PDB file of N, CA and C in Angstrom:
ATOM      1  N   MET A   1       0.823  -1.275  -0.153  1.00  0.00           N
ATOM      2  CA  MET A   1       0.030  -0.216   0.094  1.00  0.00           C
ATOM      3  C   MET A   1       0.560   0.850  -0.108  1.00  0.00           C
ATOM      4  N   GLY A   2       0.917   2.388  -1.424  1.00  0.00           N
ATOM      5  CA  GLY A   2       1.715   3.339  -0.962  1.00  0.00           C
ATOM      6  C   GLY A   2       1.191   4.247  -0.289  1.00  0.00           C
ATOM      7  N   ALA A   3      -0.229   4.542   0.326  1.00  0.00           N
ATOM      8  CA  ALA A   3      -0.336   5.734   1.230  1.00  0.00           C
ATOM      9  C   ALA A   3       0.138   4.922   2.692  1.00  0.00           C
ATOM     10  N   LEU A   4       0.376   3.999   2.546  1.00  0.00           N
ATOM     11  CA  LEU A   4       0.980   3.731   4.374  1.00  0.00           C
ATOM     12  C   LEU A   4       2.594   3.809   4.167  1.00  0.00           C
ATOM     13  N   LYS A   5       2.897   2.948   3.472  1.00  0.00           N
ATOM     14  CA  LYS A   5       4.490   3.514   3.098  1.00  0.00           C
ATOM     15  C   LYS A   5       4.999   4.994   3.286  1.00  0.00           C
ATOM     16  N   GLN A   6       4.347   6.060   2.819  1.00  0.00           N
ATOM     17  CA  GLN A   6       4.198   7.266   2.593  1.00  0.00           C
ATOM     18  C   GLN A   6       3.775   7.839   4.202  1.00  0.00           C
ATOM     19  N   MET A   7       3.057   7.273   4.937  1.00  0.00           N
ATOM     20  CA  MET A   7       2.765   7.743   6.567  1.00  0.00           C
ATOM     21  C   MET A   7       3.649   7.183   6.609  1.00  0.00           C
ATOM     22  N   GLU A   8       4.507   5.968   6.842  1.00  0.00           N
ATOM     23  CA  GLU A   8       5.605   6.013   7.319  1.00  0.00           C
ATOM     24  C   GLU A   8       6.844   6.812   7.215  1.00  0.00           C
ATOM     25  N   ALA A   9       7.015   7.147   6.085  1.00  0.00           N
ATOM     26  CA  ALA A   9       7.733   8.356   6.129  1.00  0.00           C
ATOM     27  C   ALA A   9       7.851   9.592   6.697  1.00  0.00           C
ATOM     28  N   GLY A  10       6.968   9.684   6.670  1.00  0.00           N
ATOM     29  CA  GLY A  10       6.500  10.899   8.326  1.00  0.00           C
ATOM     30  C   GLY A  10       5.429  12.086   7.469  1.00  0.00           C
ATOM     31  N   ARG A  11       4.490  11.144   6.108  1.00  0.00           N
ATOM     32  CA  ARG A  11       3.391  11.887   6.059  1.00  0.00           C
ATOM     33  C   ARG A  11       2.181  11.949   6.776  1.00  0.00           C
ATOM     34  N   MET A  12       1.330  12.984   6.446  1.00  0.00           N
ATOM     35  CA  MET A  12      -0.126  12.705   7.537  1.00  0.00           C
ATOM     36  C   MET A  12      -1.172  12.541   6.430  1.00  0.00           C
ATOM     37  N   ALA A  13      -1.695  11.817   6.538  1.00  0.00           N
ATOM     38  CA  ALA A  13      -3.185  11.296   6.446  1.00  0.00           C
ATOM     39  C   ALA A  13      -4.039  12.159   5.946  1.00  0.00           C
ATOM     40  N   VAL A  14      -3.959  13.149   6.408  1.00  0.00           N
ATOM     41  CA  VAL A  14      -5.016  13.974   5.482  1.00  0.00           C
ATOM     42  C   VAL A  14      -4.171  14.868   4.264  1.00  0.00           C
ATOM     43  N   ASP A  15      -2.927  14.594   4.555  1.00  0.00           N
ATOM     44  CA  ASP A  15      -1.887  14.953   2.726  1.00  0.00           C
ATOM     45  C   ASP A  15      -1.920  14.019   2.195  1.00  0.00           C
ATOM     46  N   VAL A  16      -1.981  13.142   2.092  1.00  0.00           N
ATOM     47  CA  VAL A  16      -1.815  11.309   1.650  1.00  0.00           C
ATOM     48  C   VAL A  16      -3.344  11.600   0.890  1.00  0.00           C
ATOM     49  N   ALA A  17      -4.273  11.283   1.533  1.00  0.00           N
ATOM     50  CA  ALA A  17      -5.678  11.070   1.378  1.00  0.00           C
ATOM     51  C   ALA A  17      -6.748  11.486   0.293  1.00  0.00           C
ATOM     52  N   PRO A  18      -6.088  13.409  -0.064  1.00  0.00           N
ATOM     53  CA  PRO A  18      -6.740  13.491  -1.487  1.00  0.00           C
ATOM     54  C   PRO A  18      -6.111  13.378  -2.483  1.00  0.00           C
ATOM     55  N   GLU A  19      -4.395  12.574  -2.711  1.00  0.00           N
ATOM     56  CA  GLU A  19      -4.030  12.296  -3.928  1.00  0.00           C
ATOM     57  C   GLU A  19      -4.856  10.764  -4.219  1.00  0.00           C
ATOM     58  N   LEU A  20      -5.236  10.274  -3.137  1.00  0.00           N
ATOM     59  CA  LEU A  20      -5.694   9.013  -3.594  1.00  0.00           C
ATOM     60  C   LEU A  20      -7.262   9.138  -3.756  1.00  0.00           C
ATOM     61  N   GLY A  21      -8.002  10.435  -3.566  1.00  0.00           N
ATOM     62  CA  GLY A  21      -9.623  10.416  -3.539  1.00  0.00           C
ATOM     63  C   GLY A  21      -9.997   9.298  -2.649  1.00  0.00           C
ATOM     64  N   VAL A  22      -9.770   9.442  -1.630  1.00  0.00           N
ATOM     65  CA  VAL A  22     -10.264   8.595  -0.568  1.00  0.00           C
ATOM     66  C   VAL A  22      -9.888  10.085   0.820  1.00  0.00           C
ATOM     67  N   SER A  23     -10.496   9.272   1.915  1.00  0.00           N
ATOM     68  CA  SER A  23     -10.930   9.664   3.539  1.00  0.00           C
ATOM     69  C   SER A  23      -9.689   9.246   4.070  1.00  0.00           C
ATOM     70  N   LYS A  24      -9.462  10.339   4.786  1.00  0.00           N
ATOM     71  CA  LYS A  24      -8.026  10.212   5.547  1.00  0.00           C
ATOM     72  C   LYS A  24      -8.445   8.601   6.621  1.00  0.00           C
ATOM     73  N   HIS A  25     -10.007   8.885   6.949  1.00  0.00           N
ATOM     74  CA  HIS A  25     -10.572   7.524   7.430  1.00  0.00           C
ATOM     75  C   HIS A  25     -10.230   6.093   6.987  1.00  0.00           C
ATOM     76  N   THR A  26     -10.517   6.330   6.068  1.00  0.00           N
ATOM     77  CA  THR A  26     -10.245   5.148   4.761  1.00  0.00           C
ATOM     78  C   THR A  26      -8.827   4.787   5.144  1.00  0.00           C
ATOM     79  N   ILE A  27      -7.632   5.799   4.686  1.00  0.00           N
ATOM     80  CA  ILE A  27      -6.654   5.502   5.328  1.00  0.00           C
ATOM     81  C   ILE A  27      -6.222   4.852   6.894  1.00  0.00           C
ATOM     82  N   TYR A  28      -6.759   5.381   7.847  1.00  0.00           N
ATOM     83  CA  TYR A  28      -6.583   4.619   8.765  1.00  0.00           C
ATOM     84  C   TYR A  28      -7.014   2.898   9.024  1.00  0.00           C
ATOM     85  N   ALA A  29      -7.983   2.981   8.369  1.00  0.00           N
ATOM     86  CA  ALA A  29      -8.679   1.676   7.900  1.00  0.00           C
ATOM     87  C   ALA A  29      -7.913   0.857   7.459  1.00  0.00           C
ATOM     88  N   TRP A  30      -7.104   1.514   6.392  1.00  0.00           N
ATOM     89  CA  TRP A  30      -5.883   0.406   5.287  1.00  0.00           C
ATOM     90  C   TRP A  30      -4.821   0.286   6.595  1.00  0.00           C
ATOM     91  N   LYS A  31      -4.895   1.303   7.509  1.00  0.00           N
ATOM     92  CA  LYS A  31      -3.346   1.083   8.598  1.00  0.00           C
ATOM     93  C   LYS A  31      -3.699  -0.438   9.317  1.00  0.00           C
ATOM     94  N   VAL A  32      -5.222  -0.319  10.144  1.00  0.00           N
ATOM     95  CA  VAL A  32      -5.654  -1.285  11.073  1.00  0.00           C
ATOM     96  C   VAL A  32      -5.503  -2.377  10.008  1.00  0.00           C
ATOM     97  N   LYS A  33      -6.296  -2.797   9.450  1.00  0.00           N
ATOM     98  CA  LYS A  33      -6.221  -4.120   8.328  1.00  0.00           C
ATOM     99  C   LYS A  33      -4.630  -4.700   8.312  1.00  0.00           C
ATOM    100  N   SER A  34      -3.776  -3.527   7.600  1.00  0.00           N
ATOM    101  CA  SER A  34      -2.746  -4.030   7.485  1.00  0.00           C
ATOM    102  C   SER A  34      -1.677  -4.645   8.681  1.00  0.00           C
ATOM    103  N   ARG A  35      -2.162  -4.144   9.779  1.00  0.00           N
ATOM    104  CA  ARG A  35      -1.082  -4.894  10.857  1.00  0.00           C
ATOM    105  C   ARG A  35      -2.192  -6.063  11.185  1.00  0.00           C
ATOM    106  N   GLY A  36      -3.365  -6.807  10.413  1.00  0.00           N
ATOM    107  CA  GLY A  36      -3.452  -8.233  10.261  1.00  0.00           C
ATOM    108  C   GLY A  36      -5.125  -8.322  11.222  1.00  0.00           C
ATOM    109  N   LEU A  37      -5.523  -6.890  11.787  1.00  0.00           N
ATOM    110  CA  LEU A  37      -6.837  -6.565  12.339  1.00  0.00           C
ATOM    111  C   LEU A  37      -7.670  -6.423  11.282  1.00  0.00           C
ATOM    112  N   ALA A  38      -9.186  -6.827  11.756  1.00  0.00           N
ATOM    113  CA  ALA A  38      -9.910  -6.173  10.391  1.00  0.00           C
ATOM    114  C   ALA A  38     -10.197  -4.967  11.002  1.00  0.00           C
ATOM    115  N   VAL A  39     -11.209  -4.381  10.523  1.00  0.00           N
ATOM    116  CA  VAL A  39     -11.300  -2.683  10.983  1.00  0.00           C
ATOM    117  C   VAL A  39     -12.330  -2.861  12.238  1.00  0.00           C
ATOM    118  N   ASN A  40     -13.200  -3.731  12.240  1.00  0.00           N
ATOM    119  CA  ASN A  40     -14.283  -3.482  13.826  1.00  0.00           C
ATOM    120  C   ASN A  40     -13.458  -4.433  14.587  1.00  0.00           C
ATOM    121  N   GLU A  41     -12.259  -5.281  14.243  1.00  0.00           N
ATOM    122  CA  GLU A  41     -11.654  -5.633  15.128  1.00  0.00           C
ATOM    123  C   GLU A  41     -10.275  -4.766  15.953  1.00  0.00           C
ATOM    124  N   GLY A  42     -10.206  -3.553  14.784  1.00  0.00           N
ATOM    125  CA  GLY A  42      -9.459  -2.566  15.473  1.00  0.00           C
ATOM    126  C   GLY A  42     -10.453  -1.442  15.852  1.00  0.00           C
ATOM    127  N   GLN A  43     -11.609  -1.421  15.774  1.00  0.00           N
ATOM    128  CA  GLN A  43     -12.643  -0.281  16.591  1.00  0.00           C
ATOM    129  C   GLN A  43     -12.861  -0.835  17.858  1.00  0.00           C
ATOM    130  N   ARG A  44     -13.097  -2.348  18.120  1.00  0.00           N
ATOM    131  CA  ARG A  44     -13.392  -2.888  19.145  1.00  0.00           C
ATOM    132  C   ARG A  44     -11.948  -2.425  20.137  1.00  0.00           C
ATOM    133  N   LEU A  45     -10.455  -3.230  19.412  1.00  0.00           N
ATOM    134  CA  LEU A  45      -9.281  -2.619  20.566  1.00  0.00           C
ATOM    135  C   LEU A  45      -9.488  -0.911  20.952  1.00  0.00           C
ATOM    136  N   TRP A  46      -9.581  -0.460  20.326  1.00  0.00           N
ATOM    137  CA  TRP A  46      -9.467   0.933  20.829  1.00  0.00           C
ATOM    138  C   TRP A  46     -10.864   1.436  22.168  1.00  0.00           C
ATOM    139  N   GLN A  47     -12.179   0.698  21.668  1.00  0.00           N
ATOM    140  CA  GLN A  47     -13.176   0.739  22.875  1.00  0.00           C
ATOM    141  C   GLN A  47     -12.768   0.279  24.111  1.00  0.00           C
ATOM    142  N   LEU A  48     -11.917  -0.910  24.303  1.00  0.00           N
ATOM    143  CA  LEU A  48     -11.707  -1.703  24.457  1.00  0.00           C
ATOM    144  C   LEU A  48     -10.196  -1.005  25.415  1.00  0.00           C
ATOM    145  N   LYS A  49      -9.299  -0.389  24.800  1.00  0.00           N
ATOM    146  CA  LYS A  49      -8.546   0.478  25.658  1.00  0.00           C
ATOM    147  C   LYS A  49      -9.369   2.175  25.945  1.00  0.00           C
ATOM    148  N   ASP A  50     -10.292   2.114  25.530  1.00  0.00           N
ATOM    149  CA  ASP A  50     -10.359   3.315  26.150  1.00  0.00           C
ATOM    150  C   ASP A  50     -11.645   3.654  27.726  1.00  0.00           C
ATOM    151  N   GLY A  51     -12.445   1.896  27.668  1.00  0.00           N
ATOM    152  CA  GLY A  51     -12.883   1.576  28.697  1.00  0.00           C
ATOM    153  C   GLY A  51     -11.680   1.471  29.919  1.00  0.00           C
ATOM    154  N   THR A  52     -11.240   0.857  29.649  1.00  0.00           N
ATOM    155  CA  THR A  52      -9.829   0.395  30.197  1.00  0.00           C
ATOM    156  C   THR A  52      -9.367   1.999  31.223  1.00  0.00           C
ATOM    157  N   HIS A  53      -9.429   2.463  30.151  1.00  0.00           N
ATOM    158  CA  HIS A  53      -9.174   4.196  30.315  1.00  0.00           C
ATOM    159  C   HIS A  53      -9.652   4.937  31.723  1.00  0.00           C
ATOM    160  N   ARG A  54     -11.006   4.738  31.086  1.00  0.00           N
ATOM    161  CA  ARG A  54     -11.973   5.352  31.895  1.00  0.00           C
ATOM    162  C   ARG A  54     -12.036   5.045  33.607  1.00  0.00           C
ATOM    163  N   LEU A  55     -11.854   3.354  33.349  1.00  0.00           N
ATOM    164  CA  LEU A  55     -12.380   2.650  34.433  1.00  0.00           C
ATOM    165  C   LEU A  55     -10.956   3.162  35.878  1.00  0.00           C
ATOM    166  N   GLY A  56      -9.735   3.343  34.944  1.00  0.00           N
ATOM    167  CA  GLY A  56      -8.308   3.858  35.833  1.00  0.00           C
ATOM    168  C   GLY A  56      -8.610   5.018  36.299  1.00  0.00           C
ATOM    169  N   ASN A  57      -9.592   6.280  35.725  1.00  0.00           N
ATOM    170  CA  ASN A  57      -9.644   7.284  36.021  1.00  0.00           C
ATOM    171  C   ASN A  57     -10.652   7.691  36.702  1.00  0.00           C
ATOM    172  N   THR A  58     -11.901   6.549  36.816  1.00  0.00           N
ATOM    173  CA  THR A  58     -12.754   6.755  37.975  1.00  0.00           C
ATOM    174  C   THR A  58     -12.317   5.908  39.317  1.00  0.00           C
ATOM    175  N   SER A  59     -11.411   4.906  39.058  1.00  0.00           N
ATOM    176  CA  SER A  59     -11.139   4.066  40.497  1.00  0.00           C
ATOM    177  C   SER A  59     -10.248   5.423  40.987  1.00  0.00           C
ATOM    178  N   THR A  60      -9.323   6.281  40.556  1.00  0.00           N
ATOM    179  CA  THR A  60      -8.221   7.318  41.383  1.00  0.00           C
ATOM    180  C   THR A  60      -8.392   8.368  41.544  1.00  0.00           C
ATOM    181  N   GLN A  61     -10.555   8.754  41.000  1.00  0.00           N
ATOM    182  CA  GLN A  61     -11.189  10.322  41.731  1.00  0.00           C
ATOM    183  C   GLN A  61     -12.400   9.519  42.823  1.00  0.00           C
ATOM    184  N   SER A  62     -11.826   8.175  43.465  1.00  0.00           N
ATOM    185  CA  SER A  62     -12.663   7.694  44.790  1.00  0.00           C
ATOM    186  C   SER A  62     -11.841   8.129  45.696  1.00  0.00           C
TER     187      SER A  62
END
């Protein structure tokens, strides 16, 4: 994937996406898939991380 290699080289998704005619969200979805995860698995992973972070914040506020 040329877009991902460009991002690894330091370019931002916002700059790469219009050149390819896709949104930055599509590029991020490609990035998740390229790590061996399906998009919904990547989204679930982020939800779990966010939930864990929130649990940590809640327990420290008590």
